[in-house]
PDB file of N, CA and C in Angstrom:
ATOM      1  N   MET A   1      12.618 199.297-183.792  1.00  0.00           N
ATOM      2  CA  MET A   1      11.927 199.180-185.044  1.00  0.00           C
ATOM      3  C   MET A   1      12.292 197.837-185.663  1.00  0.00           C
ATOM      4  N   ALA A   2      11.325 197.137-186.145  1.00  0.00           N
ATOM      5  CA  ALA A   2      11.550 195.843-186.792  1.00  0.00           C
ATOM      6  C   ALA A   2      11.046 195.908-188.223  1.00  0.00           C
ATOM      7  N   GLN A   3      11.844 195.389-189.165  1.00  0.00           N
ATOM      8  CA  GLN A   3      11.464 195.341-190.564  1.00  0.00           C
ATOM      9  C   GLN A   3      11.564 193.902-191.036  1.00  0.00           C
ATOM     10  N   VAL A   4      10.587 193.458-191.785  1.00  0.00           N
ATOM     11  CA  VAL A   4      10.581 192.083-192.275  1.00  0.00           C
ATOM     12  C   VAL A   4      10.195 192.081-193.753  1.00  0.00           C
ATOM     13  N   LEU A   5      11.025 191.453-194.596  1.00  0.00           N
ATOM     14  CA  LEU A   5      10.722 191.268-196.011  1.00  0.00           C
ATOM     15  C   LEU A   5      10.410 189.793-196.224  1.00  0.00           C
ATOM     16  N   ILE A   6       9.217 189.508-196.739  1.00  0.00           N
ATOM     17  CA  ILE A   6       8.798 188.114-196.901  1.00  0.00           C
ATOM     18  C   ILE A   6       8.382 187.858-198.347  1.00  0.00           C
ATOM     19  N   PRO A   7       9.123 186.989-199.065  1.00  0.00           N
ATOM     20  CA  PRO A   7       8.629 186.524-200.365  1.00  0.00           C
ATOM     21  C   PRO A   7       7.703 185.326-200.147  1.00  0.00           C
ATOM     22  N   HIS A   8       6.622 185.257-200.890  1.00  0.00           N
ATOM     23  CA  HIS A   8       5.653 184.177-200.731  1.00  0.00           C
ATOM     24  C   HIS A   8       5.346 183.586-202.103  1.00  0.00           C
ATOM     25  N   THR A   9       5.414 182.275-202.223  1.00  0.00           N
ATOM     26  CA  THR A   9       5.025 181.600-203.450  1.00  0.00           C
ATOM     27  C   THR A   9       4.049 180.485-203.104  1.00  0.00           C
ATOM     28  N   GLY A  10       3.179 180.182-204.022  1.00  0.00           N
ATOM     29  CA  GLY A  10       2.206 179.133-203.766  1.00  0.00           C
ATOM     30  C   GLY A  10       1.579 178.622-205.044  1.00  0.00           C
ATOM     31  N   VAL A  11       0.819 177.557-204.924  1.00  0.00           N
ATOM     32  CA  VAL A  11       0.083 176.971-206.043  1.00  0.00           C
ATOM     33  C   VAL A  11      -1.395 177.016-205.686  1.00  0.00           C
ATOM     34  N   LYS A  12      -2.185 177.597-206.560  1.00  0.00           N
ATOM     35  CA  LYS A  12      -3.631 177.643-206.372  1.00  0.00           C
ATOM     36  C   LYS A  12      -4.253 176.536-207.220  1.00  0.00           C
ATOM     37  N   VAL A  13      -5.131 175.757-206.634  1.00  0.00           N
ATOM     38  CA  VAL A  13      -5.780 174.649-207.342  1.00  0.00           C
ATOM     39  C   VAL A  13      -7.286 174.776-207.163  1.00  0.00           C
ATOM     40  N   TYR A  14      -8.021 174.611-208.257  1.00  0.00           N
ATOM     41  CA  TYR A  14      -9.476 174.650-208.218  1.00  0.00           C
ATOM     42  C   TYR A  14     -10.017 173.414-208.925  1.00  0.00           C
ATOM     43  N   GLY A  15     -10.926 172.730-208.302  1.00  0.00           N
ATOM     44  CA  GLY A  15     -11.569 171.570-208.911  1.00  0.00           C
ATOM     45  C   GLY A  15     -13.039 171.543-208.543  1.00  0.00           C
ATOM     46  N   ASN A  16     -13.839 170.916-209.382  1.00  0.00           N
ATOM     47  CA  ASN A  16     -15.265 170.793-209.062  1.00  0.00           C
ATOM     48  C   ASN A  16     -15.779 169.404-209.443  1.00  0.00           C
ATOM     49  N   SER A  17     -17.045 169.165-209.189  1.00  0.00           N
ATOM     50  CA  SER A  17     -17.641 167.843-209.421  1.00  0.00           C
ATOM     51  C   SER A  17     -17.908 167.556-210.897  1.00  0.00           C
ATOM     52  N   HIS A  18     -17.674 168.516-211.775  1.00  0.00           N
ATOM     53  CA  HIS A  18     -17.869 168.317-213.211  1.00  0.00           C
ATOM     54  C   HIS A  18     -16.578 167.874-213.908  1.00  0.00           C
ATOM     55  N   GLY A  19     -15.544 167.588-213.134  1.00  0.00           N
ATOM     56  CA  GLY A  19     -14.289 167.111-213.702  1.00  0.00           C
ATOM     57  C   GLY A  19     -13.283 168.184-214.032  1.00  0.00           C
ATOM     58  N   MET A  20     -13.611 169.433-213.728  1.00  0.00           N
ATOM     59  CA  MET A  20     -12.659 170.511-213.998  1.00  0.00           C
ATOM     60  C   MET A  20     -11.592 170.528-212.908  1.00  0.00           C
ATOM     61  N   LEU A  21     -10.337 170.608-213.295  1.00  0.00           N
ATOM     62  CA  LEU A  21      -9.226 170.702-212.365  1.00  0.00           C
ATOM     63  C   LEU A  21      -8.185 171.633-212.971  1.00  0.00           C
ATOM     64  N   GLN A  22      -7.978 172.788-212.369  1.00  0.00           N
ATOM     65  CA  GLN A  22      -7.049 173.797-212.875  1.00  0.00           C
ATOM     66  C   GLN A  22      -6.127 174.234-211.740  1.00  0.00           C
ATOM     67  N   SER A  23      -4.912 174.619-212.123  1.00  0.00           N
ATOM     68  CA  SER A  23      -3.978 175.141-211.117  1.00  0.00           C
ATOM     69  C   SER A  23      -3.128 176.230-211.750  1.00  0.00           C
ATOM     70  N   TYR A  24      -2.587 177.096-210.910  1.00  0.00           N
ATOM     71  CA  TYR A  24      -1.655 178.127-211.376  1.00  0.00           C
ATOM     72  C   TYR A  24      -0.749 178.536-210.217  1.00  0.00           C
ATOM     73  N   LEU A  25       0.416 179.050-210.575  1.00  0.00           N
ATOM     74  CA  LEU A  25       1.382 179.516-209.581  1.00  0.00           C
ATOM     75  C   LEU A  25       1.090 180.966-209.242  1.00  0.00           C
ATOM     76  N   SER A  26       1.349 181.331-208.022  1.00  0.00           N
ATOM     77  CA  SER A  26       1.207 182.727-207.624  1.00  0.00           C
ATOM     78  C   SER A  26       2.379 183.098-206.727  1.00  0.00           C
ATOM     79  N   SER A  27       2.693 184.381-206.703  1.00  0.00           N
ATOM     80  CA  SER A  27       3.772 184.857-205.839  1.00  0.00           C
ATOM     81  C   SER A  27       3.484 186.296-205.425  1.00  0.00           C
ATOM     82  N   ARG A  28       4.074 186.684-204.319  1.00  0.00           N
ATOM     83  CA  ARG A  28       3.946 188.065-203.852  1.00  0.00           C
ATOM     84  C   ARG A  28       5.068 188.357-202.872  1.00  0.00           C
ATOM     85  N   TYR A  29       5.328 189.625-202.680  1.00  0.00           N
ATOM     86  CA  TYR A  29       6.311 190.090-201.709  1.00  0.00           C
ATOM     87  C   TYR A  29       5.605 191.017-200.735  1.00  0.00           C
ATOM     88  N   SER A  30       6.050 191.001-199.506  1.00  0.00           N
ATOM     89  CA  SER A  30       5.512 191.946-198.535  1.00  0.00           C
ATOM     90  C   SER A  30       6.650 192.471-197.676  1.00  0.00           C
ATOM     91  N   LEU A  31       6.534 193.718-197.291  1.00  0.00           N
ATOM     92  CA  LEU A  31       7.515 194.359-196.431  1.00  0.00           C
ATOM     93  C   LEU A  31       6.742 195.066-195.330  1.00  0.00           C
ATOM     94  N   SER A  32       7.103 194.801-194.085  1.00  0.00           N
ATOM     95  CA  SER A  32       6.393 195.413-192.967  1.00  0.00           C
ATOM     96  C   SER A  32       7.378 196.071-192.023  1.00  0.00           C
ATOM     97  N   CYS A  33       6.880 197.021-191.271  1.00  0.00           N
ATOM     98  CA  CYS A  33       7.693 197.753-190.306  1.00  0.00           C
ATOM     99  C   CYS A  33       6.846 198.013-189.072  1.00  0.00           C
ATOM    100  N   SER A  34       7.390 197.743-187.903  1.00  0.00           N
ATOM    101  CA  SER A  34       6.682 198.061-186.666  1.00  0.00           C
ATOM    102  C   SER A  34       7.626 198.818-185.742  1.00  0.00           C
ATOM    103  N   VAL A  35       7.052 199.759-185.026  1.00  0.00           N
ATOM    104  CA  VAL A  35       7.816 200.612-184.123  1.00  0.00           C
ATOM    105  C   VAL A  35       7.191 200.512-182.738  1.00  0.00           C
ATOM    106  N   ILE A  36       8.031 200.335-181.732  1.00  0.00           N
ATOM    107  CA  ILE A  36       7.566 200.324-180.347  1.00  0.00           C
ATOM    108  C   ILE A  36       8.421 201.317-179.573  1.00  0.00           C
ATOM    109  N   GLY A  37       7.794 202.220-178.853  1.00  0.00           N
ATOM    110  CA  GLY A  37       8.522 203.189-178.040  1.00  0.00           C
ATOM    111  C   GLY A  37       7.823 203.361-176.711  1.00  0.00           C
ATOM    112  N   GLY A  38       8.561 203.781-175.717  1.00  0.00           N
ATOM    113  CA  GLY A  38       7.926 203.949-174.425  1.00  0.00           C
ATOM    114  C   GLY A  38       8.728 204.786-173.460  1.00  0.00           C
ATOM    115  N   VAL A  39       8.025 205.317-172.488  1.00  0.00           N
ATOM    116  CA  VAL A  39       8.615 206.052-171.389  1.00  0.00           C
ATOM    117  C   VAL A  39       7.955 205.537-170.115  1.00  0.00           C
ATOM    118  N   GLU A  40       8.773 205.086-169.189  1.00  0.00           N
ATOM    119  CA  GLU A  40       8.296 204.528-167.925  1.00  0.00           C
ATOM    120  C   GLU A  40       7.241 203.454-168.188  1.00  0.00           C
ATOM    121  N   ASP A  41       6.000 203.652-167.755  1.00  0.00           N
ATOM    122  CA  ASP A  41       4.967 202.634-167.923  1.00  0.00           C
ATOM    123  C   ASP A  41       4.144 202.802-169.203  1.00  0.00           C
ATOM    124  N   ALA A  42       4.382 203.873-169.962  1.00  0.00           N
ATOM    125  CA  ALA A  42       3.596 204.132-171.173  1.00  0.00           C
ATOM    126  C   ALA A  42       4.319 203.578-172.393  1.00  0.00           C
ATOM    127  N   LEU A  43       3.613 202.792-173.191  1.00  0.00           N
ATOM    128  CA  LEU A  43       4.160 202.240-174.430  1.00  0.00           C
ATOM    129  C   LEU A  43       3.307 202.702-175.604  1.00  0.00           C
ATOM    130  N   GLU A  44       3.964 202.864-176.756  1.00  0.00           N
ATOM    131  CA  GLU A  44       3.266 203.235-177.982  1.00  0.00           C
ATOM    132  C   GLU A  44       3.792 202.343-179.090  1.00  0.00           C
ATOM    133  N   ASN A  45       2.904 201.875-179.962  1.00  0.00           N
ATOM    134  CA  ASN A  45       3.347 201.076-181.097  1.00  0.00           C
ATOM    135  C   ASN A  45       2.551 201.451-182.331  1.00  0.00           C
ATOM    136  N   ASP A  46       3.144 201.184-183.492  1.00  0.00           N
ATOM    137  CA  ASP A  46       2.477 201.436-184.758  1.00  0.00           C
ATOM    138  C   ASP A  46       3.014 200.443-185.785  1.00  0.00           C
ATOM    139  N   TYR A  47       2.307 200.271-186.906  1.00  0.00           N
ATOM    140  CA  TYR A  47       2.627 199.232-187.870  1.00  0.00           C
ATOM    141  C   TYR A  47       2.254 199.712-189.264  1.00  0.00           C
ATOM    142  N   GLU A  48       3.116 199.454-190.226  1.00  0.00           N
ATOM    143  CA  GLU A  48       2.856 199.761-191.629  1.00  0.00           C
ATOM    144  C   GLU A  48       3.306 198.582-192.479  1.00  0.00           C
ATOM    145  N   TYR A  49       2.703 198.391-193.657  1.00  0.00           N
ATOM    146  CA  TYR A  49       3.132 197.316-194.538  1.00  0.00           C
ATOM    147  C   TYR A  49       2.813 197.668-195.991  1.00  0.00           C
ATOM    148  N   THR A  50       3.477 196.971-196.912  1.00  0.00           N
ATOM    149  CA  THR A  50       3.198 197.084-198.334  1.00  0.00           C
ATOM    150  C   THR A  50       3.285 195.690-198.950  1.00  0.00           C
ATOM    151  N   ILE A  51       2.429 195.409-199.941  1.00  0.00           N
ATOM    152  CA  ILE A  51       2.383 194.109-200.620  1.00  0.00           C
ATOM    153  C   ILE A  51       2.340 194.352-202.125  1.00  0.00           C
ATOM    154  N   SER A  52       3.087 193.545-202.891  1.00  0.00           N
ATOM    155  CA  SER A  52       3.060 193.631-204.345  1.00  0.00           C
ATOM    156  C   SER A  52       3.439 192.290-204.946  1.00  0.00           C
ATOM    157  N   ARG A  53       2.941 192.009-206.142  1.00  0.00           N
ATOM    158  CA  ARG A  53       3.340 190.788-206.852  1.00  0.00           C
ATOM    159  C   ARG A  53       4.731 190.951-207.433  1.00  0.00           C
ATOM    160  N   GLU A  54       5.179 192.180-207.664  1.00  0.00           N
ATOM    161  CA  GLU A  54       6.507 192.444-208.201  1.00  0.00           C
ATOM    162  C   GLU A  54       7.353 193.154-207.154  1.00  0.00           C
ATOM    163  N   PHE A  55       8.579 192.664-206.952  1.00  0.00           N
ATOM    164  CA  PHE A  55       9.451 193.231-205.926  1.00  0.00           C
ATOM    165  C   PHE A  55       9.703 194.717-206.155  1.00  0.00           C
ATOM    166  N   ASP A  56       9.919 195.100-207.416  1.00  0.00           N
ATOM    167  CA  ASP A  56      10.231 196.493-207.735  1.00  0.00           C
ATOM    168  C   ASP A  56       9.060 197.442-207.494  1.00  0.00           C
ATOM    169  N   LYS A  57       7.865 196.899-207.328  1.00  0.00           N
ATOM    170  CA  LYS A  57       6.692 197.754-207.122  1.00  0.00           C
ATOM    171  C   LYS A  57       6.271 197.860-205.658  1.00  0.00           C
ATOM    172  N   LEU A  58       7.074 197.328-204.743  1.00  0.00           N
ATOM    173  CA  LEU A  58       6.791 197.557-203.326  1.00  0.00           C
ATOM    174  C   LEU A  58       6.896 199.049-203.057  1.00  0.00           C
ATOM    175  N   GLN A  59       5.991 199.590-202.305  1.00  0.00           N
ATOM    176  CA  GLN A  59       5.962 201.030-202.046  1.00  0.00           C
ATOM    177  C   GLN A  59       6.832 201.357-200.843  1.00  0.00           C
ATOM    178  N   ILE A  60       8.130 201.077-200.996  1.00  0.00           N
ATOM    179  CA  ILE A  60       9.062 201.261-199.890  1.00  0.00           C
ATOM    180  C   ILE A  60       9.157 202.726-199.490  1.00  0.00           C
ATOM    181  N   ALA A  61       9.221 203.622-200.481  1.00  0.00           N
ATOM    182  CA  ALA A  61       9.352 205.042-200.165  1.00  0.00           C
ATOM    183  C   ALA A  61       8.114 205.571-199.451  1.00  0.00           C
ATOM    184  N   ASN A  62       6.960 205.008-199.756  1.00  0.00           N
ATOM    185  CA  ASN A  62       5.707 205.472-199.161  1.00  0.00           C
ATOM    186  C   ASN A  62       5.286 204.662-197.944  1.00  0.00           C
ATOM    187  N   LEU A  63       6.138 203.730-197.526  1.00  0.00           N
ATOM    188  CA  LEU A  63       5.741 202.840-196.445  1.00  0.00           C
ATOM    189  C   LEU A  63       5.441 203.598-195.164  1.00  0.00           C
ATOM    190  N   GLY A  64       6.185 204.645-194.907  1.00  0.00           N
ATOM    191  CA  GLY A  64       5.865 205.474-193.748  1.00  0.00           C
ATOM    192  C   GLY A  64       6.631 205.149-192.494  1.00  0.00           C
ATOM    193  N   TRP A  65       7.707 204.325-192.582  1.00  0.00           N
ATOM    194  CA  TRP A  65       8.407 204.038-191.333  1.00  0.00           C
ATOM    195  C   TRP A  65       9.121 205.261-190.816  1.00  0.00           C
ATOM    196  N   ARG A  66       9.520 206.176-191.716  1.00  0.00           N
ATOM    197  CA  ARG A  66      10.116 207.429-191.227  1.00  0.00           C
ATOM    198  C   ARG A  66       9.072 208.213-190.442  1.00  0.00           C
ATOM    199  N   LYS A  67       7.847 208.221-190.966  1.00  0.00           N
ATOM    200  CA  LYS A  67       6.743 208.892-190.269  1.00  0.00           C
ATOM    201  C   LYS A  67       6.481 208.219-188.922  1.00  0.00           C
ATOM    202  N   LEU A  68       6.462 206.876-188.913  1.00  0.00           N
ATOM    203  CA  LEU A  68       6.244 206.151-187.659  1.00  0.00           C
ATOM    204  C   LEU A  68       7.313 206.500-186.638  1.00  0.00           C
ATOM    205  N   CYS A  69       8.562 206.515-187.087  1.00  0.00           N
ATOM    206  CA  CYS A  69       9.665 206.809-186.168  1.00  0.00           C
ATOM    207  C   CYS A  69       9.563 208.232-185.639  1.00  0.00           C
ATOM    208  N   LYS A  70       9.253 209.167-186.523  1.00  0.00           N
ATOM    209  CA  LYS A  70       9.131 210.557-186.086  1.00  0.00           C
ATOM    210  C   LYS A  70       7.997 210.725-185.091  1.00  0.00           C
ATOM    211  N   GLU A  71       6.855 210.096-185.380  1.00  0.00           N
ATOM    212  CA  GLU A  71       5.717 210.218-184.472  1.00  0.00           C
ATOM    213  C   GLU A  71       6.051 209.636-183.107  1.00  0.00           C
ATOM    214  N   SER A  72       6.695 208.474-183.087  1.00  0.00           N
ATOM    215  CA  SER A  72       7.052 207.863-181.813  1.00  0.00           C
ATOM    216  C   SER A  72       8.096 208.687-181.088  1.00  0.00           C
ATOM    217  N   ARG A  73       9.084 209.182-181.822  1.00  0.00           N
ATOM    218  CA  ARG A  73      10.168 209.920-181.195  1.00  0.00           C
ATOM    219  C   ARG A  73       9.672 211.235-180.609  1.00  0.00           C
ATOM    220  N   PHE A  74       8.772 211.922-181.319  1.00  0.00           N
ATOM    221  CA  PHE A  74       8.332 213.222-180.838  1.00  0.00           C
ATOM    222  C   PHE A  74       7.241 213.136-179.782  1.00  0.00           C
ATOM    223  N   SER A  75       6.565 212.000-179.695  1.00  0.00           N
ATOM    224  CA  SER A  75       5.537 211.891-178.671  1.00  0.00           C
ATOM    225  C   SER A  75       6.141 211.504-177.318  1.00  0.00           C
ATOM    226  N   PHE A  76       7.385 211.029-177.335  1.00  0.00           N
ATOM    227  CA  PHE A  76       8.104 210.724-176.105  1.00  0.00           C
ATOM    228  C   PHE A  76       9.388 211.537-176.076  1.00  0.00           C
ATOM    229  N   LYS A  77       9.971 211.678-174.911  1.00  0.00           N
ATOM    230  CA  LYS A  77      11.257 212.357-174.813  1.00  0.00           C
ATOM    231  C   LYS A  77      12.325 211.427-175.386  1.00  0.00           C
ATOM    232  N   SER A  78      12.944 211.855-176.470  1.00  0.00           N
ATOM    233  CA  SER A  78      13.933 210.992-177.118  1.00  0.00           C
ATOM    234  C   SER A  78      15.289 211.136-176.445  1.00  0.00           C
ATOM    235  N   SER A  79      16.072 210.099-176.559  1.00  0.00           N
ATOM    236  CA  SER A  79      17.438 210.132-176.052  1.00  0.00           C
ATOM    237  C   SER A  79      18.306 209.314-176.990  1.00  0.00           C
ATOM    238  N   LYS A  80      19.541 209.716-177.142  1.00  0.00           N
ATOM    239  CA  LYS A  80      20.453 209.036-178.041  1.00  0.00           C
ATOM    240  C   LYS A  80      20.892 207.716-177.415  1.00  0.00           C
ATOM    241  N   ILE A  81      20.941 206.666-178.233  1.00  0.00           N
ATOM    242  CA  ILE A  81      21.391 205.373-177.736  1.00  0.00           C
ATOM    243  C   ILE A  81      22.792 205.101-178.271  1.00  0.00           C
ATOM    244  N   GLU A  82      23.511 204.239-177.590  1.00  0.00           N
ATOM    245  CA  GLU A  82      24.847 203.882-178.025  1.00  0.00           C
ATOM    246  C   GLU A  82      24.781 202.997-179.266  1.00  0.00           C
ATOM    247  N   TYR A  83      25.876 202.981-180.028  1.00  0.00           N
ATOM    248  CA  TYR A  83      25.965 202.131-181.215  1.00  0.00           C
ATOM    249  C   TYR A  83      25.846 200.676-180.794  1.00  0.00           C
ATOM    250  N   THR A  84      25.078 199.922-181.551  1.00  0.00           N
ATOM    251  CA  THR A  84      24.922 198.514-181.236  1.00  0.00           C
ATOM    252  C   THR A  84      24.803 197.706-182.527  1.00  0.00           C
ATOM    253  N   ARG A  85      25.091 196.436-182.455  1.00  0.00           N
ATOM    254  CA  ARG A  85      24.875 195.523-183.575  1.00  0.00           C
ATOM    255  C   ARG A  85      23.664 194.676-183.239  1.00  0.00           C
ATOM    256  N   SER A  86      22.822 194.473-184.236  1.00  0.00           N
ATOM    257  CA  SER A  86      21.653 193.632-184.010  1.00  0.00           C
ATOM    258  C   SER A  86      21.435 192.741-185.221  1.00  0.00           C
ATOM    259  N   ALA A  87      20.721 191.669-185.017  1.00  0.00           N
ATOM    260  CA  ALA A  87      20.489 190.688-186.079  1.00  0.00           C
ATOM    261  C   ALA A  87      19.340 191.126-186.968  1.00  0.00           C
ATOM    262  N   SER A  88      19.443 190.804-188.253  1.00  0.00           N
ATOM    263  CA  SER A  88      18.356 190.994-189.213  1.00  0.00           C
ATOM    264  C   SER A  88      17.948 189.623-189.718  1.00  0.00           C
ATOM    265  N   TYR A  89      16.660 189.404-189.840  1.00  0.00           N
ATOM    266  CA  TYR A  89      16.156 188.105-190.278  1.00  0.00           C
ATOM    267  C   TYR A  89      15.416 188.254-191.590  1.00  0.00           C
ATOM    268  N   PHE A  90      15.797 187.452-192.584  1.00  0.00           N
ATOM    269  CA  PHE A  90      15.114 187.411-193.864  1.00  0.00           C
ATOM    270  C   PHE A  90      14.538 186.011-194.025  1.00  0.00           C
ATOM    271  N   LEU A  91      13.235 185.930-194.123  1.00  0.00           N
ATOM    272  CA  LEU A  91      12.562 184.635-194.219  1.00  0.00           C
ATOM    273  C   LEU A  91      12.402 184.243-195.672  1.00  0.00           C
ATOM    274  N   LYS A  92      12.645 182.970-195.981  1.00  0.00           N
ATOM    275  CA  LYS A  92      12.464 182.483-197.350  1.00  0.00           C
ATOM    276  C   LYS A  92      11.244 181.610-197.415  1.00  0.00           C
TER     277      LYS A  92
END
């Protein structure tokens, strides 16, 4: 399962031939989750995401990665894996 939190900021600019030139700042956050599972030659994947202009309003609880994990785990024969350390990446 991979999870990625991405903050995005930008400047929007609009101009026309009548001399109007306006700009404003915009920002948003997005959080995505993807699950890949497989048995032998069969692979299954699924993807969920949420986007909001405010970090506190991301629908993390409703994102559905628990649902994705359950669906993947129950559609294949699950097996316990050993404890491992893995890297997490946060993009700025």
